[in-house]
C-alpha cells in the first residue's frame, strides 16, 4: 500500500480506504476481478468489459488489513471497487449503476433456450 492510501486529518487522525470485492448485483464476494467478471456473466447474464488500465491506490478489505490498520490506529473507510475501471464508490448501489451505465457490453440471453425452425 502506498502513502496515497492513507490520509491525515487536521487532528492527526489517520484514515485508510479499503475496498470490498463484491459483485455489484448481489452479495457474492470474490478474490479477483476476473472471477467477478466470470460470476457476473454466468449468474447475472451480463458481459462486463475489462479495462486493464488505471491504478487503484486502495487496500483490499479483509480481516487481516482491518486488524492491521486498527492496531496502527487508523480509521477505516470501506468502499466498493469497480471490476472494470478501478473507480471506487461509497454505496454499493452507486457501483451497480456505474457498471450498468459504463461497462455492461451486452446482456446475454438465457443459456439452454435454443429455438429450432423447421
N, C-alpha and C. Protein backbone atom coordinates (compact mmCIF):
# COMPACT_ATOMS: atom_id res chain seq x y z
N UNK A 1 0.83 -1.17 0.00
CA UNK A 1 0.00 0.00 0.00
C UNK A 1 0.88 1.24 0.00
N UNK A 2 0.51 2.22 -0.80
CA UNK A 2 1.33 3.42 -0.91
C UNK A 2 0.84 4.49 0.07
N UNK A 3 1.60 5.55 0.15
CA UNK A 3 1.24 6.62 1.08
C UNK A 3 -0.04 7.33 0.65
N UNK A 4 -0.45 7.20 -0.63
CA UNK A 4 -1.67 7.86 -1.08
C UNK A 4 -2.92 7.12 -0.59
N UNK A 5 -2.75 5.93 -0.01
CA UNK A 5 -3.87 5.16 0.51
C UNK A 5 -4.35 5.69 1.84
N UNK A 6 -3.53 6.45 2.49
CA UNK A 6 -3.87 6.92 3.83
C UNK A 6 -3.95 8.43 3.84
N UNK A 7 -4.75 8.95 4.76
CA UNK A 7 -4.91 10.39 4.88
C UNK A 7 -4.72 10.77 6.34
N UNK A 8 -4.25 11.96 6.56
CA UNK A 8 -4.14 12.50 7.91
C UNK A 8 -5.10 13.68 8.03
N UNK A 9 -5.93 13.67 9.04
CA UNK A 9 -6.86 14.79 9.24
C UNK A 9 -6.15 15.89 10.02
N UNK A 10 -6.87 16.98 10.26
CA UNK A 10 -6.30 18.11 10.99
C UNK A 10 -5.88 17.74 12.40
N UNK A 11 -6.58 16.81 13.02
CA UNK A 11 -6.30 16.44 14.40
C UNK A 11 -5.31 15.29 14.52
N UNK A 12 -4.66 14.94 13.44
CA UNK A 12 -3.69 13.87 13.48
C UNK A 12 -4.29 12.48 13.32
N UNK A 13 -5.61 12.40 13.06
CA UNK A 13 -6.26 11.11 12.86
C UNK A 13 -5.87 10.56 11.49
N UNK A 14 -5.52 9.30 11.44
CA UNK A 14 -5.13 8.67 10.18
C UNK A 14 -6.32 7.86 9.65
N UNK A 15 -6.52 7.92 8.34
CA UNK A 15 -7.61 7.20 7.68
C UNK A 15 -7.06 6.37 6.54
N UNK A 16 -7.60 5.17 6.37
CA UNK A 16 -7.22 4.31 5.26
C UNK A 16 -8.49 3.87 4.54
N UNK A 17 -8.44 3.78 3.20
CA UNK A 17 -9.57 3.32 2.41
C UNK A 17 -9.32 1.87 2.01
N UNK A 18 -10.25 1.00 2.35
CA UNK A 18 -10.18 -0.40 1.97
C UNK A 18 -11.37 -0.72 1.07
N UNK A 19 -11.11 -1.43 -0.03
CA UNK A 19 -12.16 -1.76 -0.99
C UNK A 19 -12.73 -3.14 -0.75
N UNK A 20 -14.05 -3.23 -0.77
CA UNK A 20 -14.74 -4.52 -0.72
C UNK A 20 -14.79 -5.07 -2.13
N UNK A 21 -14.48 -6.34 -2.26
CA UNK A 21 -14.58 -7.00 -3.55
C UNK A 21 -15.87 -7.83 -3.55
N UNK A 22 -16.96 -7.18 -3.94
CA UNK A 22 -18.24 -7.86 -4.03
C UNK A 22 -18.84 -7.61 -5.40
N UNK A 23 -19.71 -8.50 -5.80
CA UNK A 23 -20.44 -8.35 -7.06
C UNK A 23 -21.33 -7.12 -6.95
N UNK A 24 -21.41 -6.29 -8.00
CA UNK A 24 -22.28 -5.12 -7.94
C UNK A 24 -23.77 -5.47 -7.93
N UNK A 25 -24.12 -6.72 -8.28
CA UNK A 25 -25.51 -7.12 -8.43
C UNK A 25 -26.02 -8.05 -7.32
N UNK A 26 -25.13 -8.56 -6.48
CA UNK A 26 -25.55 -9.41 -5.36
C UNK A 26 -24.48 -9.31 -4.26
N UNK A 27 -24.57 -10.14 -3.26
CA UNK A 27 -23.63 -10.06 -2.13
C UNK A 27 -22.46 -11.02 -2.25
N UNK A 28 -22.27 -11.63 -3.40
CA UNK A 28 -21.16 -12.57 -3.57
C UNK A 28 -19.83 -11.82 -3.54
N UNK A 29 -18.89 -12.36 -2.79
CA UNK A 29 -17.53 -11.81 -2.73
C UNK A 29 -16.63 -12.62 -3.65
N UNK A 30 -15.54 -12.03 -4.07
CA UNK A 30 -14.62 -12.72 -4.96
C UNK A 30 -13.19 -12.31 -4.65
N UNK A 31 -12.25 -13.13 -5.13
CA UNK A 31 -10.84 -12.90 -4.86
C UNK A 31 -10.14 -12.08 -5.94
N UNK A 32 -10.69 -12.06 -7.14
CA UNK A 32 -10.05 -11.31 -8.23
C UNK A 32 -11.12 -10.68 -9.11
N UNK A 33 -10.72 -9.69 -9.88
CA UNK A 33 -11.65 -9.04 -10.79
C UNK A 33 -12.12 -9.99 -11.88
N UNK A 34 -11.24 -10.87 -12.37
CA UNK A 34 -11.63 -11.80 -13.41
C UNK A 34 -12.69 -12.78 -12.90
N UNK A 35 -12.56 -13.23 -11.66
CA UNK A 35 -13.58 -14.10 -11.08
C UNK A 35 -14.91 -13.36 -10.98
N UNK A 36 -14.86 -12.07 -10.68
CA UNK A 36 -16.09 -11.27 -10.61
C UNK A 36 -16.73 -11.17 -11.99
N UNK A 37 -15.93 -10.92 -13.01
CA UNK A 37 -16.45 -10.82 -14.38
C UNK A 37 -17.10 -12.14 -14.79
N UNK A 38 -16.44 -13.26 -14.47
CA UNK A 38 -17.00 -14.58 -14.79
C UNK A 38 -18.31 -14.80 -14.06
N UNK A 39 -18.36 -14.42 -12.78
CA UNK A 39 -19.57 -14.56 -11.97
C UNK A 39 -20.71 -13.74 -12.56
N UNK A 40 -20.43 -12.49 -12.93
CA UNK A 40 -21.45 -11.60 -13.49
C UNK A 40 -22.01 -12.19 -14.79
N UNK A 41 -21.14 -12.77 -15.61
CA UNK A 41 -21.58 -13.35 -16.88
C UNK A 41 -22.45 -14.59 -16.66
N UNK A 42 -22.04 -15.48 -15.78
CA UNK A 42 -22.77 -16.72 -15.61
C UNK A 42 -24.02 -16.56 -14.75
N UNK A 43 -23.95 -15.76 -13.71
CA UNK A 43 -25.07 -15.62 -12.78
C UNK A 43 -26.06 -14.54 -13.20
N UNK A 44 -25.55 -13.40 -13.64
CA UNK A 44 -26.41 -12.25 -13.93
C UNK A 44 -26.60 -12.03 -15.43
N UNK A 45 -25.96 -12.87 -16.25
CA UNK A 45 -26.12 -12.84 -17.71
C UNK A 45 -25.75 -11.49 -18.31
N UNK A 46 -24.71 -10.87 -17.75
CA UNK A 46 -24.22 -9.60 -18.28
C UNK A 46 -22.74 -9.74 -18.61
N UNK A 47 -22.37 -9.25 -19.78
CA UNK A 47 -20.96 -9.26 -20.15
C UNK A 47 -20.38 -7.89 -19.80
N UNK A 48 -19.37 -7.88 -18.95
CA UNK A 48 -18.75 -6.65 -18.49
C UNK A 48 -17.38 -6.51 -19.13
N UNK A 49 -17.11 -5.33 -19.68
CA UNK A 49 -15.80 -5.11 -20.29
C UNK A 49 -14.72 -5.04 -19.21
N UNK A 50 -13.53 -5.46 -19.56
CA UNK A 50 -12.39 -5.35 -18.65
C UNK A 50 -11.43 -4.32 -19.17
N UNK A 51 -11.15 -3.31 -18.39
CA UNK A 51 -10.17 -2.29 -18.72
C UNK A 51 -8.98 -2.51 -17.80
N UNK A 52 -7.84 -2.77 -18.36
CA UNK A 52 -6.68 -3.10 -17.54
C UNK A 52 -5.85 -1.89 -17.17
N UNK A 53 -6.25 -0.73 -17.67
CA UNK A 53 -5.51 0.48 -17.31
C UNK A 53 -6.05 1.04 -16.00
N UNK A 54 -5.32 1.94 -15.46
CA UNK A 54 -5.76 2.56 -14.21
C UNK A 54 -4.96 2.03 -13.04
N UNK A 55 -4.82 2.86 -12.04
CA UNK A 55 -4.05 2.49 -10.86
C UNK A 55 -4.89 2.76 -9.63
N UNK A 56 -5.35 1.71 -8.98
CA UNK A 56 -6.17 1.88 -7.79
C UNK A 56 -5.25 1.91 -6.58
N UNK A 57 -5.29 2.99 -5.86
CA UNK A 57 -4.43 3.16 -4.70
C UNK A 57 -5.17 2.88 -3.40
N UNK A 58 -5.78 1.72 -3.33
CA UNK A 58 -6.52 1.33 -2.14
C UNK A 58 -6.10 -0.06 -1.71
N UNK A 59 -6.27 -0.35 -0.45
CA UNK A 59 -6.04 -1.69 0.04
C UNK A 59 -7.31 -2.51 -0.10
N UNK A 60 -7.19 -3.81 0.08
CA UNK A 60 -8.33 -4.71 0.00
C UNK A 60 -8.96 -4.86 1.38
N UNK A 61 -10.28 -4.83 1.42
CA UNK A 61 -11.00 -5.02 2.67
C UNK A 61 -11.00 -6.51 3.00
N UNK A 62 -10.21 -6.87 3.99
CA UNK A 62 -10.20 -8.24 4.51
C UNK A 62 -9.83 -8.17 5.99
N UNK A 63 -10.02 -9.27 6.68
CA UNK A 63 -9.81 -9.29 8.13
C UNK A 63 -8.38 -8.92 8.51
N UNK A 64 -7.42 -9.38 7.73
CA UNK A 64 -6.01 -9.09 8.01
C UNK A 64 -5.74 -7.59 7.95
N UNK A 65 -6.21 -6.93 6.88
CA UNK A 65 -5.98 -5.49 6.74
C UNK A 65 -6.74 -4.70 7.79
N UNK A 66 -7.97 -5.12 8.11
CA UNK A 66 -8.74 -4.43 9.14
C UNK A 66 -7.99 -4.47 10.47
N UNK A 67 -7.53 -5.66 10.86
CA UNK A 67 -6.80 -5.80 12.12
C UNK A 67 -5.52 -4.97 12.12
N UNK A 68 -4.80 -5.00 10.99
CA UNK A 68 -3.54 -4.27 10.89
C UNK A 68 -3.76 -2.77 11.08
N UNK A 69 -4.73 -2.19 10.37
CA UNK A 69 -4.94 -0.75 10.45
C UNK A 69 -5.59 -0.33 11.76
N UNK A 70 -6.42 -1.18 12.33
CA UNK A 70 -6.97 -0.87 13.66
C UNK A 70 -5.85 -0.83 14.70
N UNK A 71 -4.93 -1.78 14.61
CA UNK A 71 -3.80 -1.85 15.53
C UNK A 71 -2.91 -0.62 15.40
N UNK A 72 -2.80 -0.09 14.18
CA UNK A 72 -1.98 1.09 13.93
C UNK A 72 -2.71 2.40 14.21
N UNK A 73 -3.98 2.31 14.63
CA UNK A 73 -4.74 3.50 15.00
C UNK A 73 -5.43 4.22 13.84
N UNK A 74 -5.62 3.55 12.72
CA UNK A 74 -6.27 4.16 11.57
C UNK A 74 -7.78 4.06 11.70
N UNK A 75 -8.47 5.05 11.13
CA UNK A 75 -9.90 4.95 10.89
C UNK A 75 -10.06 4.32 9.52
N UNK A 76 -10.90 3.29 9.44
CA UNK A 76 -11.06 2.55 8.19
C UNK A 76 -12.32 3.02 7.48
N UNK A 77 -12.17 3.38 6.20
CA UNK A 77 -13.29 3.74 5.34
C UNK A 77 -13.43 2.62 4.31
N UNK A 78 -14.62 2.05 4.22
CA UNK A 78 -14.86 0.94 3.30
C UNK A 78 -15.59 1.47 2.07
N UNK A 79 -15.08 1.12 0.89
CA UNK A 79 -15.72 1.50 -0.36
C UNK A 79 -15.84 0.26 -1.24
N UNK A 80 -16.61 0.38 -2.33
CA UNK A 80 -16.83 -0.71 -3.28
C UNK A 80 -16.10 -0.40 -4.57
N UNK A 81 -15.28 -1.34 -5.05
CA UNK A 81 -14.47 -1.12 -6.24
C UNK A 81 -15.06 -1.71 -7.50
N UNK A 82 -14.96 -0.96 -8.60
CA UNK A 82 -15.44 -1.42 -9.90
C UNK A 82 -14.46 -2.46 -10.47
N UNK A 83 -15.01 -3.53 -11.04
CA UNK A 83 -14.17 -4.59 -11.60
C UNK A 83 -13.58 -4.19 -12.94
N UNK A 84 -14.08 -3.12 -13.55
CA UNK A 84 -13.61 -2.72 -14.87
C UNK A 84 -12.60 -1.59 -14.86
N UNK A 85 -12.93 -0.49 -14.16
CA UNK A 85 -12.14 0.72 -14.35
C UNK A 85 -11.41 1.22 -13.11
N UNK A 86 -11.50 0.53 -12.02
CA UNK A 86 -10.77 0.89 -10.80
C UNK A 86 -11.38 2.05 -10.03
N UNK A 87 -12.59 2.51 -10.38
CA UNK A 87 -13.24 3.55 -9.59
C UNK A 87 -13.80 2.93 -8.31
N UNK A 88 -13.96 3.75 -7.28
CA UNK A 88 -14.48 3.29 -6.00
C UNK A 88 -15.70 4.11 -5.62
N UNK A 89 -16.64 3.47 -4.92
CA UNK A 89 -17.90 4.10 -4.57
C UNK A 89 -18.23 3.84 -3.11
N UNK A 90 -18.84 4.83 -2.48
CA UNK A 90 -19.21 4.72 -1.07
C UNK A 90 -20.39 3.76 -0.91
N UNK A 91 -21.35 3.84 -1.83
CA UNK A 91 -22.54 3.00 -1.75
C UNK A 91 -22.53 1.96 -2.86
N UNK A 92 -22.95 0.73 -2.52
CA UNK A 92 -22.96 -0.35 -3.50
C UNK A 92 -23.93 -0.05 -4.65
N UNK A 93 -25.03 0.62 -4.36
CA UNK A 93 -26.00 0.98 -5.41
C UNK A 93 -25.36 1.89 -6.46
N UNK A 94 -24.44 2.76 -6.03
CA UNK A 94 -23.70 3.62 -6.96
C UNK A 94 -22.82 2.76 -7.88
N UNK A 95 -22.20 1.74 -7.32
CA UNK A 95 -21.36 0.83 -8.11
C UNK A 95 -22.21 0.11 -9.15
N UNK A 96 -23.36 -0.39 -8.75
CA UNK A 96 -24.24 -1.10 -9.69
C UNK A 96 -24.65 -0.18 -10.84
N UNK A 97 -25.07 1.03 -10.54
CA UNK A 97 -25.48 1.99 -11.56
C UNK A 97 -24.31 2.31 -12.50
N UNK A 98 -23.14 2.53 -11.92
CA UNK A 98 -21.93 2.81 -12.69
C UNK A 98 -21.63 1.68 -13.67
N UNK A 99 -21.67 0.43 -13.18
CA UNK A 99 -21.37 -0.73 -14.03
C UNK A 99 -22.38 -0.83 -15.17
N UNK A 100 -23.67 -0.66 -14.85
CA UNK A 100 -24.69 -0.75 -15.88
C UNK A 100 -24.52 0.33 -16.95
N UNK A 101 -24.20 1.54 -16.54
CA UNK A 101 -24.08 2.65 -17.49
C UNK A 101 -22.78 2.64 -18.28
N UNK A 102 -21.69 2.23 -17.63
CA UNK A 102 -20.37 2.39 -18.24
C UNK A 102 -19.76 1.11 -18.80
N UNK A 103 -20.08 -0.07 -18.23
CA UNK A 103 -19.27 -1.24 -18.54
C UNK A 103 -20.01 -2.48 -19.02
N UNK A 104 -21.33 -2.53 -18.91
CA UNK A 104 -22.04 -3.69 -19.40
C UNK A 104 -22.09 -3.60 -20.92
N UNK A 105 -21.43 -4.56 -21.58
CA UNK A 105 -21.34 -4.56 -23.03
C UNK A 105 -22.62 -5.15 -23.61
N UNK A 106 -23.04 -6.30 -23.10
CA UNK A 106 -24.27 -6.94 -23.57
C UNK A 106 -24.92 -7.68 -22.41
N UNK A 107 -26.22 -7.80 -22.50
CA UNK A 107 -26.94 -8.71 -21.62
C UNK A 107 -27.08 -10.00 -22.40
N UNK A 108 -26.57 -11.05 -21.85
CA UNK A 108 -26.54 -12.33 -22.55
C UNK A 108 -27.90 -13.01 -22.45
N UNK A 109 -28.33 -13.74 -23.49
CA UNK A 109 -29.59 -14.47 -23.42
C UNK A 109 -29.47 -15.65 -22.46
N UNK A 110 -30.61 -16.12 -22.01
CA UNK A 110 -30.63 -17.29 -21.13
C UNK A 110 -29.94 -18.46 -21.82
N UNK A 111 -29.12 -19.16 -21.09
CA UNK A 111 -28.41 -20.32 -21.62
C UNK A 111 -29.36 -21.51 -21.61
N UNK A 112 -29.35 -22.29 -22.69
CA UNK A 112 -30.15 -23.51 -22.74
C UNK A 112 -31.47 -23.35 -23.47
N UNK A 113 -31.77 -22.17 -23.92
CA UNK A 113 -33.01 -21.95 -24.66
C UNK A 113 -32.67 -21.69 -26.11
N UNK A 114 -32.74 -22.72 -26.93
CA UNK A 114 -32.47 -22.59 -28.35
C UNK A 114 -33.75 -22.91 -29.10
N UNK A 115 -34.06 -22.13 -30.10
CA UNK A 115 -35.24 -22.39 -30.93
C UNK A 115 -34.77 -23.00 -32.24
N UNK A 116 -35.43 -24.05 -32.63
CA UNK A 116 -35.13 -24.70 -33.89
C UNK A 116 -36.31 -24.47 -34.83
N UNK A 117 -36.01 -24.07 -36.03
CA UNK A 117 -37.07 -23.81 -37.01
C UNK A 117 -37.03 -24.91 -38.07
N UNK A 118 -38.21 -25.40 -38.47
CA UNK A 118 -38.31 -26.45 -39.50
C UNK A 118 -38.36 -25.86 -40.87
